[in-house]
Amino acid sequence: MTKLNEIELGQLCQSTIESLYEATGGMKQFPGLLKKIIETKAWLRRISSGKVVELTSLRELITAKPVRGWGEDIKTVEAVIRNDPECLAMFREAMHDQGNRSDLCNNVTQVGGGKGTGNSRAYSIARVQSQCDAKTVAAVMAGKMSANGALVKAGLRDVRQIYLPREPAKAVEKLRKVFGLKFVNAMLVENTRLNKH
């Protein structure tokens, strides 16, 4: 990527926040523009309204009041990029720097300055990228598989709740798909044992 100067970085940041509020197609452009901001670390030093603005993190760019930042809520930004796994993963990595730790961005636990663990989609995608095989990562990034589904399939996350059809054949098929044939066979063995008593 061509290195952008301070004026161009300022224009990139301004175009990105404006796209968040554009009614006609701006929201679709927002994830791509945000990726460019993250790649260039545009928050470090840019010209905004004729002044040099230096920030320490993407978090500060999003939350600081204009003209230093966007004056926006982090959860709003994450909701807009929710359907772009690549952007979401880059966002999570960039948000890792908690700076003065103004919030913990949707994580359930946060210890020792680490990335934390939690239930956000960004956390799940980051976990898929670090702990699943390349084929699974590609499927999640292409939107062919959910991050949660990939973690369940890899045995890294338990299935907490499933909905079963009332028709027995369909229920068995769903159980087989979610838990595997070995699980269904074990259920049959257990059912036989219970019926003998």
N, C-alpha and C. Protein backbone atom coordinates (compact mmCIF):
# COMPACT_ATOMS: atom_id res chain seq x y z
N MET A 1 0.84 -1.18 0.00
CA MET A 1 0.00 0.00 0.00
C MET A 1 0.88 1.24 0.00
N THR A 2 0.51 2.21 -0.80
CA THR A 2 1.24 3.47 -0.88
C THR A 2 1.09 4.23 0.44
N LYS A 3 2.20 4.77 0.92
CA LYS A 3 2.16 5.51 2.18
C LYS A 3 1.40 6.82 1.98
N LEU A 4 0.48 7.09 2.87
CA LEU A 4 -0.32 8.31 2.79
C LEU A 4 0.31 9.40 3.66
N ASN A 5 0.21 10.65 3.19
CA ASN A 5 0.73 11.75 4.00
C ASN A 5 -0.32 12.15 5.04
N GLU A 6 0.04 13.09 5.91
CA GLU A 6 -0.84 13.48 7.02
C GLU A 6 -2.17 14.06 6.55
N ILE A 7 -2.14 14.79 5.45
CA ILE A 7 -3.38 15.36 4.91
C ILE A 7 -4.29 14.24 4.40
N GLU A 8 -3.70 13.29 3.65
CA GLU A 8 -4.48 12.16 3.12
C GLU A 8 -5.03 11.29 4.25
N LEU A 9 -4.26 11.12 5.31
CA LEU A 9 -4.74 10.34 6.46
C LEU A 9 -5.92 11.05 7.12
N GLY A 10 -5.84 12.36 7.22
CA GLY A 10 -6.96 13.14 7.76
C GLY A 10 -8.19 13.01 6.89
N GLN A 11 -8.00 13.06 5.57
CA GLN A 11 -9.13 12.90 4.64
C GLN A 11 -9.73 11.50 4.74
N LEU A 12 -8.86 10.49 4.89
CA LEU A 12 -9.33 9.11 5.04
C LEU A 12 -10.19 8.98 6.29
N CYS A 13 -9.73 9.51 7.40
CA CYS A 13 -10.51 9.43 8.65
C CYS A 13 -11.85 10.16 8.51
N GLN A 14 -11.82 11.32 7.86
CA GLN A 14 -13.05 12.10 7.68
C GLN A 14 -14.03 11.37 6.75
N SER A 15 -13.53 10.83 5.65
CA SER A 15 -14.40 10.09 4.72
C SER A 15 -15.02 8.88 5.38
N THR A 16 -14.25 8.23 6.25
CA THR A 16 -14.74 7.03 6.91
C THR A 16 -15.90 7.34 7.84
N ILE A 17 -15.76 8.35 8.68
CA ILE A 17 -16.85 8.68 9.60
C ILE A 17 -18.06 9.22 8.84
N GLU A 18 -17.82 9.97 7.77
CA GLU A 18 -18.94 10.45 6.96
C GLU A 18 -19.70 9.29 6.32
N SER A 19 -18.98 8.25 5.90
CA SER A 19 -19.65 7.10 5.27
C SER A 19 -20.55 6.37 6.27
N LEU A 20 -20.23 6.47 7.55
CA LEU A 20 -21.05 5.83 8.58
C LEU A 20 -22.44 6.45 8.62
N TYR A 21 -22.53 7.72 8.27
CA TYR A 21 -23.81 8.42 8.37
C TYR A 21 -24.51 8.62 7.03
N GLU A 22 -23.85 8.26 5.93
CA GLU A 22 -24.48 8.41 4.62
C GLU A 22 -25.62 7.43 4.46
N ALA A 23 -26.76 7.93 4.02
CA ALA A 23 -27.94 7.09 3.85
C ALA A 23 -27.83 6.22 2.61
N THR A 24 -27.16 6.68 1.58
CA THR A 24 -27.13 5.94 0.32
C THR A 24 -25.77 5.29 0.10
N GLY A 25 -25.63 4.07 0.54
CA GLY A 25 -24.45 3.27 0.24
C GLY A 25 -23.22 3.51 1.09
N GLY A 26 -23.23 4.52 1.95
CA GLY A 26 -22.06 4.81 2.76
C GLY A 26 -21.70 3.69 3.71
N MET A 27 -22.72 3.09 4.30
CA MET A 27 -22.48 1.99 5.26
C MET A 27 -21.73 0.84 4.61
N LYS A 28 -21.97 0.60 3.32
CA LYS A 28 -21.28 -0.48 2.62
C LYS A 28 -19.80 -0.15 2.44
N GLN A 29 -19.47 1.12 2.33
CA GLN A 29 -18.09 1.55 2.16
C GLN A 29 -17.33 1.58 3.48
N PHE A 30 -18.04 1.71 4.57
CA PHE A 30 -17.41 1.91 5.88
C PHE A 30 -16.39 0.82 6.23
N PRO A 31 -16.72 -0.49 6.12
CA PRO A 31 -15.72 -1.50 6.50
C PRO A 31 -14.42 -1.40 5.70
N GLY A 32 -14.52 -1.15 4.40
CA GLY A 32 -13.30 -1.02 3.58
C GLY A 32 -12.45 0.17 3.99
N LEU A 33 -13.11 1.28 4.28
CA LEU A 33 -12.39 2.47 4.72
C LEU A 33 -11.76 2.25 6.09
N LEU A 34 -12.49 1.58 6.99
CA LEU A 34 -11.95 1.30 8.31
C LEU A 34 -10.72 0.40 8.23
N LYS A 35 -10.76 -0.58 7.33
CA LYS A 35 -9.60 -1.45 7.14
C LYS A 35 -8.38 -0.63 6.72
N LYS A 36 -8.61 0.35 5.85
CA LYS A 36 -7.51 1.21 5.39
C LYS A 36 -6.96 2.04 6.54
N ILE A 37 -7.85 2.52 7.40
CA ILE A 37 -7.40 3.28 8.59
C ILE A 37 -6.53 2.40 9.48
N ILE A 38 -6.97 1.15 9.68
CA ILE A 38 -6.22 0.23 10.54
C ILE A 38 -4.87 -0.11 9.91
N GLU A 39 -4.86 -0.38 8.61
CA GLU A 39 -3.61 -0.72 7.92
C GLU A 39 -2.59 0.41 7.99
N THR A 40 -3.06 1.65 7.87
CA THR A 40 -2.16 2.81 7.86
C THR A 40 -1.93 3.40 9.25
N LYS A 41 -2.70 2.91 10.23
CA LYS A 41 -2.66 3.49 11.59
C LYS A 41 -2.85 5.00 11.50
N ALA A 42 -3.88 5.38 10.77
CA ALA A 42 -4.14 6.79 10.48
C ALA A 42 -4.34 7.64 11.72
N TRP A 43 -4.67 7.04 12.83
CA TRP A 43 -4.91 7.80 14.06
C TRP A 43 -3.63 8.38 14.66
N LEU A 44 -2.47 7.81 14.31
CA LEU A 44 -1.22 8.24 14.95
C LEU A 44 -0.89 9.70 14.70
N ARG A 45 -1.04 10.13 13.45
CA ARG A 45 -0.72 11.53 13.12
C ARG A 45 -1.42 11.89 11.81
N ARG A 46 -2.33 12.84 11.89
CA ARG A 46 -3.07 13.27 10.71
C ARG A 46 -3.40 14.75 10.84
N ILE A 47 -3.79 15.35 9.73
CA ILE A 47 -4.24 16.74 9.77
C ILE A 47 -5.75 16.73 9.67
N SER A 48 -6.38 17.37 10.66
CA SER A 48 -7.84 17.45 10.71
C SER A 48 -8.22 18.90 10.98
N SER A 49 -9.02 19.49 10.11
CA SER A 49 -9.43 20.90 10.22
C SER A 49 -8.23 21.83 10.33
N GLY A 50 -7.18 21.52 9.58
CA GLY A 50 -6.00 22.37 9.54
C GLY A 50 -5.04 22.20 10.71
N LYS A 51 -5.34 21.29 11.63
CA LYS A 51 -4.48 21.08 12.79
C LYS A 51 -3.91 19.67 12.78
N VAL A 52 -2.70 19.50 13.29
CA VAL A 52 -2.10 18.18 13.43
C VAL A 52 -2.72 17.51 14.65
N VAL A 53 -3.25 16.31 14.44
CA VAL A 53 -3.87 15.56 15.53
C VAL A 53 -3.10 14.25 15.70
N GLU A 54 -2.66 14.00 16.91
CA GLU A 54 -1.95 12.76 17.22
C GLU A 54 -2.74 12.01 18.30
N LEU A 55 -3.07 10.76 18.01
CA LEU A 55 -3.79 9.92 18.96
C LEU A 55 -2.99 8.65 19.21
N THR A 56 -3.31 7.98 20.29
CA THR A 56 -2.54 6.80 20.65
C THR A 56 -3.15 5.49 20.16
N SER A 57 -4.44 5.50 19.79
CA SER A 57 -5.08 4.23 19.45
C SER A 57 -6.31 4.44 18.57
N LEU A 58 -6.72 3.37 17.93
CA LEU A 58 -7.97 3.37 17.17
C LEU A 58 -9.13 3.68 18.11
N ARG A 59 -9.09 3.14 19.30
CA ARG A 59 -10.13 3.41 20.30
C ARG A 59 -10.30 4.92 20.52
N GLU A 60 -9.16 5.61 20.63
CA GLU A 60 -9.21 7.05 20.86
C GLU A 60 -9.79 7.78 19.64
N LEU A 61 -9.42 7.32 18.43
CA LEU A 61 -9.99 7.93 17.22
C LEU A 61 -11.51 7.79 17.21
N ILE A 62 -12.01 6.64 17.59
CA ILE A 62 -13.45 6.40 17.56
C ILE A 62 -14.18 7.18 18.65
N THR A 63 -13.63 7.22 19.85
CA THR A 63 -14.38 7.77 20.99
C THR A 63 -14.11 9.24 21.30
N ALA A 64 -12.93 9.77 20.93
CA ALA A 64 -12.62 11.16 21.25
C ALA A 64 -13.59 12.10 20.52
N LYS A 65 -13.89 13.20 21.18
CA LYS A 65 -14.82 14.17 20.58
C LYS A 65 -14.18 14.81 19.34
N PRO A 66 -15.03 15.16 18.35
CA PRO A 66 -14.52 15.84 17.15
C PRO A 66 -13.84 17.15 17.56
N VAL A 67 -12.79 17.57 16.94
CA VAL A 67 -12.16 17.11 15.74
C VAL A 67 -11.02 16.14 16.03
N ARG A 68 -10.74 15.90 17.29
CA ARG A 68 -9.68 14.94 17.61
C ARG A 68 -10.07 13.55 17.15
N GLY A 69 -11.33 13.21 17.35
CA GLY A 69 -11.82 11.89 16.96
C GLY A 69 -13.21 11.98 16.37
N TRP A 70 -13.93 10.87 16.44
CA TRP A 70 -15.27 10.80 15.83
C TRP A 70 -16.39 11.03 16.83
N GLY A 71 -16.12 10.86 18.12
CA GLY A 71 -17.18 10.99 19.12
C GLY A 71 -18.23 9.90 18.96
N GLU A 72 -17.79 8.71 18.65
CA GLU A 72 -18.70 7.60 18.35
C GLU A 72 -18.56 6.49 19.39
N ASP A 73 -19.57 5.65 19.47
CA ASP A 73 -19.57 4.51 20.38
C ASP A 73 -18.91 3.31 19.69
N ILE A 74 -18.04 2.62 20.39
CA ILE A 74 -17.32 1.48 19.83
C ILE A 74 -18.29 0.38 19.40
N LYS A 75 -19.33 0.16 20.18
CA LYS A 75 -20.29 -0.89 19.85
C LYS A 75 -21.03 -0.58 18.55
N THR A 76 -21.26 0.68 18.27
CA THR A 76 -21.91 1.08 17.01
C THR A 76 -21.01 0.72 15.84
N VAL A 77 -19.73 1.05 15.95
CA VAL A 77 -18.79 0.73 14.88
C VAL A 77 -18.72 -0.78 14.67
N GLU A 78 -18.62 -1.53 15.76
CA GLU A 78 -18.54 -2.99 15.65
C GLU A 78 -19.80 -3.56 15.01
N ALA A 79 -20.96 -2.99 15.31
CA ALA A 79 -22.21 -3.47 14.71
C ALA A 79 -22.23 -3.25 13.20
N VAL A 80 -21.66 -2.14 12.75
CA VAL A 80 -21.66 -1.83 11.31
C VAL A 80 -20.74 -2.79 10.55
N ILE A 81 -19.64 -3.21 11.16
CA ILE A 81 -18.69 -4.10 10.47
C ILE A 81 -18.94 -5.57 10.77
N ARG A 82 -19.99 -5.86 11.47
CA ARG A 82 -20.32 -7.21 11.93
C ARG A 82 -20.29 -8.27 10.83
N ASN A 83 -20.71 -7.92 9.63
CA ASN A 83 -20.80 -8.90 8.55
C ASN A 83 -19.56 -8.94 7.66
N ASP A 84 -18.50 -8.31 8.08
CA ASP A 84 -17.23 -8.34 7.35
C ASP A 84 -16.18 -8.98 8.27
N PRO A 85 -16.05 -10.33 8.20
CA PRO A 85 -15.14 -11.01 9.13
C PRO A 85 -13.71 -10.49 9.11
N GLU A 86 -13.20 -10.13 7.94
CA GLU A 86 -11.83 -9.63 7.85
C GLU A 86 -11.69 -8.31 8.60
N CYS A 87 -12.63 -7.41 8.37
CA CYS A 87 -12.60 -6.11 9.05
C CYS A 87 -12.77 -6.30 10.55
N LEU A 88 -13.67 -7.20 10.93
CA LEU A 88 -13.93 -7.44 12.34
C LEU A 88 -12.68 -7.97 13.05
N ALA A 89 -11.95 -8.86 12.38
CA ALA A 89 -10.71 -9.39 12.96
C ALA A 89 -9.65 -8.30 13.08
N MET A 90 -9.51 -7.48 12.05
CA MET A 90 -8.54 -6.37 12.09
C MET A 90 -8.92 -5.38 13.19
N PHE A 91 -10.22 -5.11 13.30
CA PHE A 91 -10.74 -4.19 14.32
C PHE A 91 -10.40 -4.70 15.72
N ARG A 92 -10.65 -5.98 15.94
CA ARG A 92 -10.37 -6.56 17.25
C ARG A 92 -8.88 -6.45 17.60
N GLU A 93 -8.04 -6.75 16.61
CA GLU A 93 -6.60 -6.67 16.85
C GLU A 93 -6.18 -5.23 17.17
N ALA A 94 -6.71 -4.27 16.42
CA ALA A 94 -6.37 -2.86 16.65
C ALA A 94 -6.92 -2.37 17.99
N MET A 95 -8.07 -2.90 18.40
CA MET A 95 -8.67 -2.50 19.67
C MET A 95 -8.00 -3.15 20.87
N HIS A 96 -7.12 -4.09 20.61
CA HIS A 96 -6.40 -4.79 21.68
C HIS A 96 -5.69 -3.82 22.61
N ASP A 97 -5.15 -2.75 22.05
CA ASP A 97 -4.47 -1.75 22.87
C ASP A 97 -5.53 -0.99 23.66
N GLN A 98 -5.65 -1.29 24.94
CA GLN A 98 -6.67 -0.67 25.78
C GLN A 98 -6.29 0.75 26.22
N GLY A 99 -5.06 1.17 25.90
CA GLY A 99 -4.64 2.52 26.30
C GLY A 99 -4.84 2.70 27.79
N ASN A 100 -5.63 3.69 28.17
CA ASN A 100 -5.94 3.91 29.59
C ASN A 100 -7.09 3.04 30.06
N ARG A 101 -7.45 2.06 29.21
CA ARG A 101 -8.48 1.08 29.55
C ARG A 101 -9.81 1.75 29.92
N SER A 102 -10.36 2.47 28.93
CA SER A 102 -11.61 3.18 29.18
C SER A 102 -12.81 2.25 29.15
N ASP A 103 -12.70 1.14 28.46
CA ASP A 103 -13.73 0.10 28.53
C ASP A 103 -13.14 -1.20 28.01
N LEU A 104 -13.86 -2.25 28.11
CA LEU A 104 -13.32 -3.55 27.72
C LEU A 104 -14.00 -4.11 26.47
N CYS A 105 -14.79 -3.31 25.80
CA CYS A 105 -15.31 -3.62 24.48
C CYS A 105 -15.93 -5.01 24.37
N ASN A 106 -16.99 -5.29 25.14
CA ASN A 106 -17.81 -6.47 24.91
C ASN A 106 -17.20 -7.77 25.40
N ASN A 107 -16.05 -7.73 26.09
CA ASN A 107 -15.47 -8.97 26.56
C ASN A 107 -15.99 -9.31 27.95
N VAL A 108 -16.09 -10.61 28.20
CA VAL A 108 -16.58 -11.05 29.49
C VAL A 108 -15.47 -10.98 30.53
N THR A 109 -14.26 -11.39 30.18
CA THR A 109 -13.15 -11.32 31.12
C THR A 109 -11.97 -10.63 30.47
N GLN A 110 -11.18 -9.98 31.30
CA GLN A 110 -10.00 -9.29 30.81
C GLN A 110 -8.98 -9.34 31.93
N VAL A 111 -7.84 -9.98 31.67
CA VAL A 111 -6.85 -10.09 32.72
C VAL A 111 -5.46 -9.77 32.18
N GLY A 112 -4.67 -9.14 33.04
CA GLY A 112 -3.26 -8.94 32.76
C GLY A 112 -2.93 -8.24 31.45
N GLY A 113 -3.83 -7.40 30.95
CA GLY A 113 -3.52 -6.67 29.72
C GLY A 113 -3.62 -7.52 28.47
N GLY A 114 -4.09 -8.79 28.59
CA GLY A 114 -4.21 -9.65 27.42
C GLY A 114 -5.41 -9.27 26.59
N LYS A 115 -5.64 -10.04 25.53
CA LYS A 115 -6.75 -9.75 24.64
C LYS A 115 -8.07 -10.04 25.31
N GLY A 116 -8.09 -10.89 26.31
CA GLY A 116 -9.33 -11.21 26.99
C GLY A 116 -10.07 -12.33 26.30
N THR A 117 -11.05 -12.81 26.98
CA THR A 117 -11.92 -13.81 26.39
C THR A 117 -13.32 -13.30 26.49
N GLY A 118 -14.18 -13.77 25.65
CA GLY A 118 -15.53 -13.25 25.70
C GLY A 118 -16.45 -13.87 24.70
N ASN A 119 -17.56 -13.19 24.47
CA ASN A 119 -18.58 -13.75 23.61
C ASN A 119 -18.86 -12.88 22.39
N SER A 120 -18.03 -11.91 22.12
CA SER A 120 -18.28 -11.06 20.97
C SER A 120 -17.93 -11.81 19.69
N ARG A 121 -18.52 -11.40 18.59
CA ARG A 121 -18.23 -12.03 17.30
C ARG A 121 -16.78 -11.80 16.93
N ALA A 122 -16.26 -10.63 17.23
CA ALA A 122 -14.85 -10.33 16.92
C ALA A 122 -13.93 -11.30 17.65
N TYR A 123 -14.23 -11.57 18.92
CA TYR A 123 -13.42 -12.52 19.69
C TYR A 123 -13.48 -13.90 19.05
N SER A 124 -14.69 -14.33 18.64
CA SER A 124 -14.85 -15.65 18.04
C SER A 124 -14.05 -15.76 16.74
N ILE A 125 -14.09 -14.72 15.92
CA ILE A 125 -13.34 -14.74 14.66
C ILE A 125 -11.85 -14.81 14.93
N ALA A 126 -11.38 -14.03 15.90
CA ALA A 126 -9.95 -14.06 16.24
C ALA A 126 -9.55 -15.46 16.73
N ARG A 127 -10.43 -16.10 17.47
CA ARG A 127 -10.14 -17.44 17.97
C ARG A 127 -10.10 -18.45 16.82
N VAL A 128 -11.01 -18.32 15.87
CA VAL A 128 -11.00 -19.19 14.69
C VAL A 128 -9.68 -19.03 13.95
N GLN A 129 -9.25 -17.78 13.76
CA GLN A 129 -8.02 -17.52 13.03
C GLN A 129 -6.80 -18.12 13.71
N SER A 130 -6.80 -18.12 15.02
CA SER A 130 -5.61 -18.62 15.74
C SER A 130 -5.66 -20.10 16.04
N GLN A 131 -6.86 -20.72 16.05
CA GLN A 131 -6.93 -22.09 16.53
C GLN A 131 -7.54 -23.10 15.55
N CYS A 132 -8.02 -22.65 14.41
CA CYS A 132 -8.63 -23.57 13.45
C CYS A 132 -7.74 -23.74 12.22
N ASP A 133 -8.01 -24.79 11.46
CA ASP A 133 -7.24 -25.05 10.26
C ASP A 133 -7.56 -24.02 9.18
N ALA A 134 -6.69 -23.94 8.17
CA ALA A 134 -6.80 -22.92 7.12
C ALA A 134 -8.12 -23.01 6.35
N LYS A 135 -8.60 -24.22 6.11
CA LYS A 135 -9.85 -24.40 5.36
C LYS A 135 -11.03 -23.82 6.14
N THR A 136 -11.07 -24.05 7.43
CA THR A 136 -12.13 -23.52 8.28
C THR A 136 -12.05 -22.00 8.36
N VAL A 137 -10.85 -21.47 8.51
CA VAL A 137 -10.66 -20.01 8.56
C VAL A 137 -11.17 -19.39 7.27
N ALA A 138 -10.83 -20.00 6.13
CA ALA A 138 -11.27 -19.48 4.83
C ALA A 138 -12.79 -19.50 4.72
N ALA A 139 -13.43 -20.57 5.21
CA ALA A 139 -14.89 -20.67 5.15
C ALA A 139 -15.55 -19.59 6.00
N VAL A 140 -14.99 -19.31 7.18
CA VAL A 140 -15.55 -18.27 8.05
C VAL A 140 -15.35 -16.90 7.42
N MET A 141 -14.15 -16.64 6.91
CA MET A 141 -13.87 -15.33 6.31
C MET A 141 -14.71 -15.08 5.06
N ALA A 142 -15.08 -16.16 4.36
CA ALA A 142 -15.92 -16.03 3.16
C ALA A 142 -17.40 -15.97 3.50
N GLY A 143 -17.73 -16.13 4.79
CA GLY A 143 -19.13 -16.09 5.20
C GLY A 143 -19.89 -17.37 4.95
N LYS A 144 -19.17 -18.45 4.67
CA LYS A 144 -19.82 -19.75 4.41
C LYS A 144 -20.10 -20.52 5.69
N MET A 145 -19.47 -20.11 6.78
CA MET A 145 -19.64 -20.77 8.08
C MET A 145 -19.54 -19.70 9.15
N SER A 146 -20.35 -19.83 10.19
CA SER A 146 -20.26 -18.86 11.29
C SER A 146 -19.04 -19.15 12.14
N ALA A 147 -18.54 -18.13 12.80
CA ALA A 147 -17.39 -18.32 13.68
C ALA A 147 -17.75 -19.27 14.81
N ASN A 148 -18.95 -19.12 15.35
CA ASN A 148 -19.40 -20.01 16.42
C ASN A 148 -19.45 -21.46 15.92
N GLY A 149 -20.02 -21.66 14.73
CA GLY A 149 -20.11 -23.00 14.16
C GLY A 149 -18.75 -23.63 13.96
N ALA A 150 -17.78 -22.82 13.52
CA ALA A 150 -16.42 -23.32 13.31
C ALA A 150 -15.79 -23.74 14.63
N LEU A 151 -16.00 -22.96 15.69
CA LEU A 151 -15.44 -23.30 16.99
C LEU A 151 -16.08 -24.56 17.56
N VAL A 152 -17.38 -24.70 17.35
CA VAL A 152 -18.08 -25.92 17.80
C VAL A 152 -17.55 -27.13 17.03
N LYS A 153 -17.46 -27.00 15.71
CA LYS A 153 -16.99 -28.10 14.86
C LYS A 153 -15.57 -28.53 15.25
N ALA A 154 -14.73 -27.56 15.61
CA ALA A 154 -13.34 -27.86 15.99
C ALA A 154 -13.23 -28.38 17.42
N GLY A 155 -14.35 -28.40 18.15
CA GLY A 155 -14.33 -28.87 19.53
C GLY A 155 -13.79 -27.84 20.51
N LEU A 156 -13.73 -26.59 20.09
CA LEU A 156 -13.20 -25.52 20.94
C LEU A 156 -14.29 -24.81 21.74
N ARG A 157 -15.54 -25.08 21.38
CA ARG A 157 -16.67 -24.47 22.08
C ARG A 157 -17.80 -25.49 22.13
N ASP A 158 -18.45 -25.57 23.27
CA ASP A 158 -19.58 -26.49 23.41
C ASP A 158 -20.83 -25.89 22.79
N VAL A 159 -21.69 -26.78 22.29
CA VAL A 159 -23.01 -26.34 21.83
C VAL A 159 -23.85 -26.21 23.08
N ARG A 160 -24.29 -25.01 23.35
CA ARG A 160 -25.03 -24.79 24.60
C ARG A 160 -26.52 -25.06 24.44
N GLN A 161 -27.05 -24.79 23.26
CA GLN A 161 -28.48 -24.95 23.08
C GLN A 161 -28.76 -25.20 21.61
N ILE A 162 -29.58 -26.21 21.34
CA ILE A 162 -30.02 -26.45 19.98
C ILE A 162 -31.53 -26.62 20.00
N TYR A 163 -32.14 -26.37 18.87
CA TYR A 163 -33.58 -26.53 18.73
C TYR A 163 -33.85 -27.75 17.87
N LEU A 164 -34.64 -28.66 18.42
CA LEU A 164 -34.93 -29.91 17.71
C LEU A 164 -36.32 -29.88 17.09
N PRO A 165 -36.42 -30.40 15.85
CA PRO A 165 -37.75 -30.53 15.24
C PRO A 165 -38.56 -31.57 16.01
N ARG A 166 -39.88 -31.48 15.93
CA ARG A 166 -40.74 -32.45 16.64
C ARG A 166 -40.78 -33.80 15.95
N GLU A 167 -40.49 -33.83 14.68
CA GLU A 167 -40.49 -35.09 13.93
C GLU A 167 -39.22 -35.88 14.29
N PRO A 168 -39.37 -37.12 14.80
CA PRO A 168 -38.20 -37.88 15.28
C PRO A 168 -37.07 -38.03 14.25
N ALA A 169 -37.40 -38.33 13.00
CA ALA A 169 -36.35 -38.53 11.99
C ALA A 169 -35.54 -37.24 11.79
N LYS A 170 -36.24 -36.11 11.77
CA LYS A 170 -35.55 -34.82 11.59
C LYS A 170 -34.74 -34.47 12.84
N ALA A 171 -35.28 -34.83 14.02
CA ALA A 171 -34.56 -34.56 15.27
C ALA A 171 -33.25 -35.36 15.31
N VAL A 172 -33.33 -36.63 14.90
CA VAL A 172 -32.13 -37.48 14.89
C VAL A 172 -31.10 -36.90 13.91
N GLU A 173 -31.56 -36.48 12.75
CA GLU A 173 -30.66 -35.90 11.75
C GLU A 173 -29.98 -34.63 12.29
N LYS A 174 -30.75 -33.80 12.99
CA LYS A 174 -30.18 -32.58 13.57
C LYS A 174 -29.14 -32.93 14.63
N LEU A 175 -29.46 -33.87 15.51
CA LEU A 175 -28.51 -34.30 16.54
C LEU A 175 -27.24 -34.87 15.91
N ARG A 176 -27.42 -35.64 14.85
CA ARG A 176 -26.28 -36.24 14.16
C ARG A 176 -25.40 -35.14 13.54
N LYS A 177 -26.05 -34.14 12.95
CA LYS A 177 -25.30 -33.05 12.32
C LYS A 177 -24.53 -32.23 13.35
N VAL A 178 -25.17 -31.96 14.49
CA VAL A 178 -24.55 -31.11 15.51
C VAL A 178 -23.52 -31.87 16.35
N PHE A 179 -23.87 -33.09 16.78
CA PHE A 179 -23.02 -33.82 17.72
C PHE A 179 -22.26 -34.99 17.13
N GLY A 180 -22.68 -35.45 15.95
CA GLY A 180 -22.00 -36.58 15.32
C GLY A 180 -22.71 -37.90 15.55
N LEU A 181 -22.39 -38.86 14.70
CA LEU A 181 -23.02 -40.18 14.73
C LEU A 181 -22.72 -40.92 16.04
N LYS A 182 -21.53 -40.78 16.55
CA LYS A 182 -21.14 -41.45 17.79
C LYS A 182 -22.06 -41.04 18.95
N PHE A 183 -22.39 -39.76 19.01
CA PHE A 183 -23.29 -39.24 20.05
C PHE A 183 -24.68 -39.84 19.91
N VAL A 184 -25.21 -39.87 18.68
CA VAL A 184 -26.55 -40.43 18.45
C VAL A 184 -26.58 -41.90 18.82
N ASN A 185 -25.54 -42.65 18.45
CA ASN A 185 -25.48 -44.08 18.82
C ASN A 185 -25.42 -44.25 20.34
N ALA A 186 -24.68 -43.38 21.02
CA ALA A 186 -24.61 -43.45 22.48
C ALA A 186 -25.98 -43.17 23.09
N MET A 187 -26.75 -42.26 22.49
CA MET A 187 -28.11 -41.99 22.96
C MET A 187 -28.99 -43.23 22.81
N LEU A 188 -28.85 -43.93 21.70
CA LEU A 188 -29.64 -45.14 21.47
C LEU A 188 -29.31 -46.21 22.51
N VAL A 189 -28.02 -46.36 22.80
CA VAL A 189 -27.59 -47.33 23.82
C VAL A 189 -28.18 -46.95 25.18
N GLU A 190 -28.10 -45.68 25.52
CA GLU A 190 -28.64 -45.20 26.80
C GLU A 190 -30.15 -45.38 26.86
N ASN A 191 -30.83 -45.11 25.75
CA ASN A 191 -32.28 -45.28 25.69
C ASN A 191 -32.66 -46.74 25.91
N THR A 192 -31.92 -47.66 25.28
CA THR A 192 -32.16 -49.09 25.46
C THR A 192 -31.96 -49.49 26.91
N ARG A 193 -30.91 -48.98 27.53
CA ARG A 193 -30.63 -49.29 28.94
C ARG A 193 -31.76 -48.79 29.84
N LEU A 194 -32.23 -47.58 29.59
CA LEU A 194 -33.32 -47.02 30.40
C LEU A 194 -34.62 -47.77 30.22
N ASN A 195 -34.90 -48.24 29.02
CA ASN A 195 -36.13 -48.99 28.75
C ASN A 195 -36.15 -50.36 29.41
N LYS A 196 -34.97 -50.92 29.72
CA LYS A 196 -34.90 -52.23 30.37
C LYS A 196 -35.27 -52.13 31.85
N HIS A 197 -35.20 -50.93 32.42
CA HIS A 197 -35.45 -50.77 33.86
C HIS A 197 -36.86 -50.42 34.11
